[in-house]
Amino acid sequence: MDLSDSDLALVAALAEGLPLVSHPYRAVGAQLGLDEAEVIARIQAMRDGGIIRRFGIIVRHHELGFKANAMAVWAIPDGVVSEVGRVLGDAPEVTLCYRRPPRLPDWPYNLFCMVHGRDRGAVEESIQALVRRFDLGAYPHAVLFSTRRFKQTGARYGRPIPRAAAAE
């Protein structure tokens, strides 16, 4: 599916979130020079084309009381890192799990998992439970707690239209 400039602008507008109004698609369309039916039709076409998979919400975990956030990192042998990554990625307490190459000799860790909790003790216990449940005790690991949040957003795609063009 080829995306037009209008589609890219729509994706960028949707990435900002739907306005909390009675006709959110009408409001989004008003920003882009589209009517409500055009917005809904373009969203449906992008959904049918596999460009948009789903709509979701971005939860700001601090505001919900989940103020302790840690990145648990492990040095897992290459032969089993994919398997360990899959099981950790399926664990409900892990919100993000990915592999990166280690940076030897200073940084041996190659598997990263984000765990959120209401307090530091709860997060530490969750990580220790992961270690026990998946028999990870033999692998070197570290826990890096966040100390300050500078930014938290979902991914941004699309191409916003310049304000002057939107007003035409």
Foldseek 3Di string as FASTA:
>chain_A
DDDDLLLLQLLQLCQVPFDPDPQRLQVSCLLAVHHSVVSVVSVVVCCVVVNDVDDDDDDPVVVVQQPKKKKKWWQDDPVCVVVLQVVLVPDPQWPDKDFDCADPDPGRTTIITMGTGNDPVVRVVVVVVSCVVVVVVVIDMDMGIDDDDPDDGDDGTGDHDDSVNSVD
